[in-house]
Amino acid sequence: MKMLYLWEISYNSYNNNPKIMQENDGKYIFGVVKVGDKGQIVIPRDARKVYDIKPGDALLLLGDQKGMVLLKTEIFQGAVEQVMEGLTK
């Protein structure tokens, strides 16, 4: 029987504890969210807690052909600053 793995977390393991799964390297599955009529999603409480997301925080939505990711803007800004510092040296 083939197992579906995402970040080395098996789908069966997720089904046994759907609230939150964490494996090595800090990779998580927080569950499934649904898109509302206005295109909004609710970020699960556990995810907001792990990533310290608070009301009013700005998130950047990035994507490619494979999917999407949300980043706090300060994380993205920090990465841009590192790249810019490397270019000026």
C-alpha atoms as a PDB file:
ATOM      1  CA  MET A   1       0.000   0.000   0.000  1.00  0.00           C
ATOM      2  CA  LYS A   2       1.423   3.380  -1.012  1.00  0.00           C
ATOM      3  CA  MET A   3       1.439   6.164   1.561  1.00  0.00           C
ATOM      4  CA  LEU A   4       0.933   9.829   0.786  1.00  0.00           C
ATOM      5  CA  TYR A   5       3.634  11.875   2.491  1.00  0.00           C
ATOM      6  CA  LEU A   6       3.812  15.637   2.841  1.00  0.00           C
ATOM      7  CA  TRP A   7       6.929  16.921   4.598  1.00  0.00           C
ATOM      8  CA  GLU A   8       7.520  13.368   5.797  1.00  0.00           C
ATOM      9  CA  ILE A   9       4.143  13.316   7.577  1.00  0.00           C
ATOM     10  CA  SER A  10       1.958  10.483   6.360  1.00  0.00           C
ATOM     11  CA  TYR A  11      -1.670  11.169   5.508  1.00  0.00           C
ATOM     12  CA  ASN A  12      -2.653   8.340   7.862  1.00  0.00           C
ATOM     13  CA  SER A  13      -0.752  10.002  10.723  1.00  0.00           C
ATOM     14  CA  TYR A  14      -2.563  13.251   9.961  1.00  0.00           C
ATOM     15  CA  ASN A  15      -5.934  11.495  10.062  1.00  0.00           C
ATOM     16  CA  ASN A  16      -5.105  10.095  13.504  1.00  0.00           C
ATOM     17  CA  ASN A  17      -4.444  13.604  14.887  1.00  0.00           C
ATOM     18  CA  PRO A  18      -5.968  16.171  12.542  1.00  0.00           C
ATOM     19  CA  LYS A  19      -5.624  19.115  14.930  1.00  0.00           C
ATOM     20  CA  ILE A  20      -1.903  19.668  14.397  1.00  0.00           C
ATOM     21  CA  MET A  21       0.959  17.517  13.199  1.00  0.00           C
ATOM     22  CA  GLN A  22       4.629  18.343  13.583  1.00  0.00           C
ATOM     23  CA  GLU A  23       7.566  16.281  12.514  1.00  0.00           C
ATOM     24  CA  ASN A  24      11.269  17.048  12.474  1.00  0.00           C
ATOM     25  CA  ASP A  25      12.452  20.355  11.071  1.00  0.00           C
ATOM     26  CA  GLY A  26       9.409  22.301  12.319  1.00  0.00           C
ATOM     27  CA  LYS A  27       7.107  21.349   9.444  1.00  0.00           C
ATOM     28  CA  TYR A  28       3.398  21.353  10.210  1.00  0.00           C
ATOM     29  CA  ILE A  29       0.014  20.383   8.860  1.00  0.00           C
ATOM     30  CA  PHE A  30      -2.678  22.437  10.579  1.00  0.00           C
ATOM     31  CA  GLY A  31      -5.713  21.105   8.737  1.00  0.00           C
ATOM     32  CA  VAL A  32      -7.956  22.064   5.863  1.00  0.00           C
ATOM     33  CA  VAL A  33      -9.493  25.511   5.511  1.00  0.00           C
ATOM     34  CA  LYS A  34     -12.402  26.470   3.288  1.00  0.00           C
ATOM     35  CA  VAL A  35     -12.682  29.597   1.178  1.00  0.00           C
ATOM     36  CA  GLY A  36     -15.740  31.678   2.058  1.00  0.00           C
ATOM     37  CA  ASP A  37     -18.036  33.590  -0.280  1.00  0.00           C
ATOM     38  CA  LYS A  38     -15.795  36.665  -0.094  1.00  0.00           C
ATOM     39  CA  GLY A  39     -12.641  34.634  -0.843  1.00  0.00           C
ATOM     40  CA  GLN A  40     -11.542  34.677   2.791  1.00  0.00           C
ATOM     41  CA  ILE A  41      -9.983  31.862   4.794  1.00  0.00           C
ATOM     42  CA  VAL A  42      -9.575  31.469   8.541  1.00  0.00           C
ATOM     43  CA  ILE A  43      -6.026  30.652   9.606  1.00  0.00           C
ATOM     44  CA  PRO A  44      -6.300  27.916  12.251  1.00  0.00           C
ATOM     45  CA  ARG A  45      -5.653  29.040  15.841  1.00  0.00           C
ATOM     46  CA  ASP A  46      -2.709  26.654  16.247  1.00  0.00           C
ATOM     47  CA  ALA A  47      -1.060  28.090  13.129  1.00  0.00           C
ATOM     48  CA  ARG A  48      -1.606  31.655  14.362  1.00  0.00           C
ATOM     49  CA  LYS A  49      -0.050  30.682  17.688  1.00  0.00           C
ATOM     50  CA  VAL A  50       2.988  28.901  16.178  1.00  0.00           C
ATOM     51  CA  TYR A  51       3.705  31.767  13.763  1.00  0.00           C
ATOM     52  CA  ASP A  52       2.655  34.578  16.139  1.00  0.00           C
ATOM     53  CA  ILE A  53       0.049  35.949  13.730  1.00  0.00           C
ATOM     54  CA  LYS A  54      -2.125  38.613  15.320  1.00  0.00           C
ATOM     55  CA  PRO A  55      -5.096  40.650  14.040  1.00  0.00           C
ATOM     56  CA  GLY A  56      -3.832  43.399  11.761  1.00  0.00           C
ATOM     57  CA  ASP A  57      -0.615  41.596  10.774  1.00  0.00           C
ATOM     58  CA  ALA A  58       0.256  41.911   7.090  1.00  0.00           C
ATOM     59  CA  LEU A  59       0.820  38.659   5.200  1.00  0.00           C
ATOM     60  CA  LEU A  60       2.340  38.252   1.754  1.00  0.00           C
ATOM     61  CA  LEU A  61       0.752  35.641  -0.529  1.00  0.00           C
ATOM     62  CA  LEU A  62       3.267  34.008  -2.881  1.00  0.00           C
ATOM     63  CA  GLY A  63       2.593  31.235  -5.367  1.00  0.00           C
ATOM     64  CA  ASP A  64       3.662  29.215  -8.351  1.00  0.00           C
ATOM     65  CA  GLN A  65       2.184  26.378 -10.434  1.00  0.00           C
ATOM     66  CA  LYS A  66       2.397  24.009  -7.448  1.00  0.00           C
ATOM     67  CA  GLY A  67       0.651  26.081  -4.789  1.00  0.00           C
ATOM     68  CA  MET A  68       0.655  29.063  -2.466  1.00  0.00           C
ATOM     69  CA  VAL A  69       2.331  30.173   0.743  1.00  0.00           C
ATOM     70  CA  LEU A  70       1.639  32.966   3.225  1.00  0.00           C
ATOM     71  CA  LEU A  71       4.543  34.816   4.844  1.00  0.00           C
ATOM     72  CA  LYS A  72       4.577  37.546   7.434  1.00  0.00           C
ATOM     73  CA  THR A  73       5.827  40.604   5.587  1.00  0.00           C
ATOM     74  CA  GLU A  74       8.645  41.166   8.093  1.00  0.00           C
ATOM     75  CA  ILE A  75      10.084  37.732   7.256  1.00  0.00           C
ATOM     76  CA  PHE A  76      10.046  38.545   3.552  1.00  0.00           C
ATOM     77  CA  GLN A  77      11.483  42.010   4.202  1.00  0.00           C
ATOM     78  CA  GLY A  78      14.338  40.471   6.218  1.00  0.00           C
ATOM     79  CA  ALA A  79      15.184  38.137   3.337  1.00  0.00           C
ATOM     80  CA  VAL A  80      15.168  41.040   0.858  1.00  0.00           C
ATOM     81  CA  GLU A  81      17.472  43.065   3.121  1.00  0.00           C
ATOM     82  CA  GLN A  82      19.940  40.150   3.323  1.00  0.00           C
ATOM     83  CA  VAL A  83      20.007  39.863  -0.459  1.00  0.00           C
ATOM     84  CA  MET A  84      20.498  43.605  -0.853  1.00  0.00           C
ATOM     85  CA  GLU A  85      23.360  43.598   1.677  1.00  0.00           C
ATOM     86  CA  GLY A  86      25.015  40.804  -0.305  1.00  0.00           C
ATOM     87  CA  LEU A  87      24.758  42.830  -3.499  1.00  0.00           C
ATOM     88  CA  THR A  88      26.397  45.893  -1.970  1.00  0.00           C
ATOM     89  CA  LYS A  89      29.454  44.010  -0.662  1.00  0.00           C
END
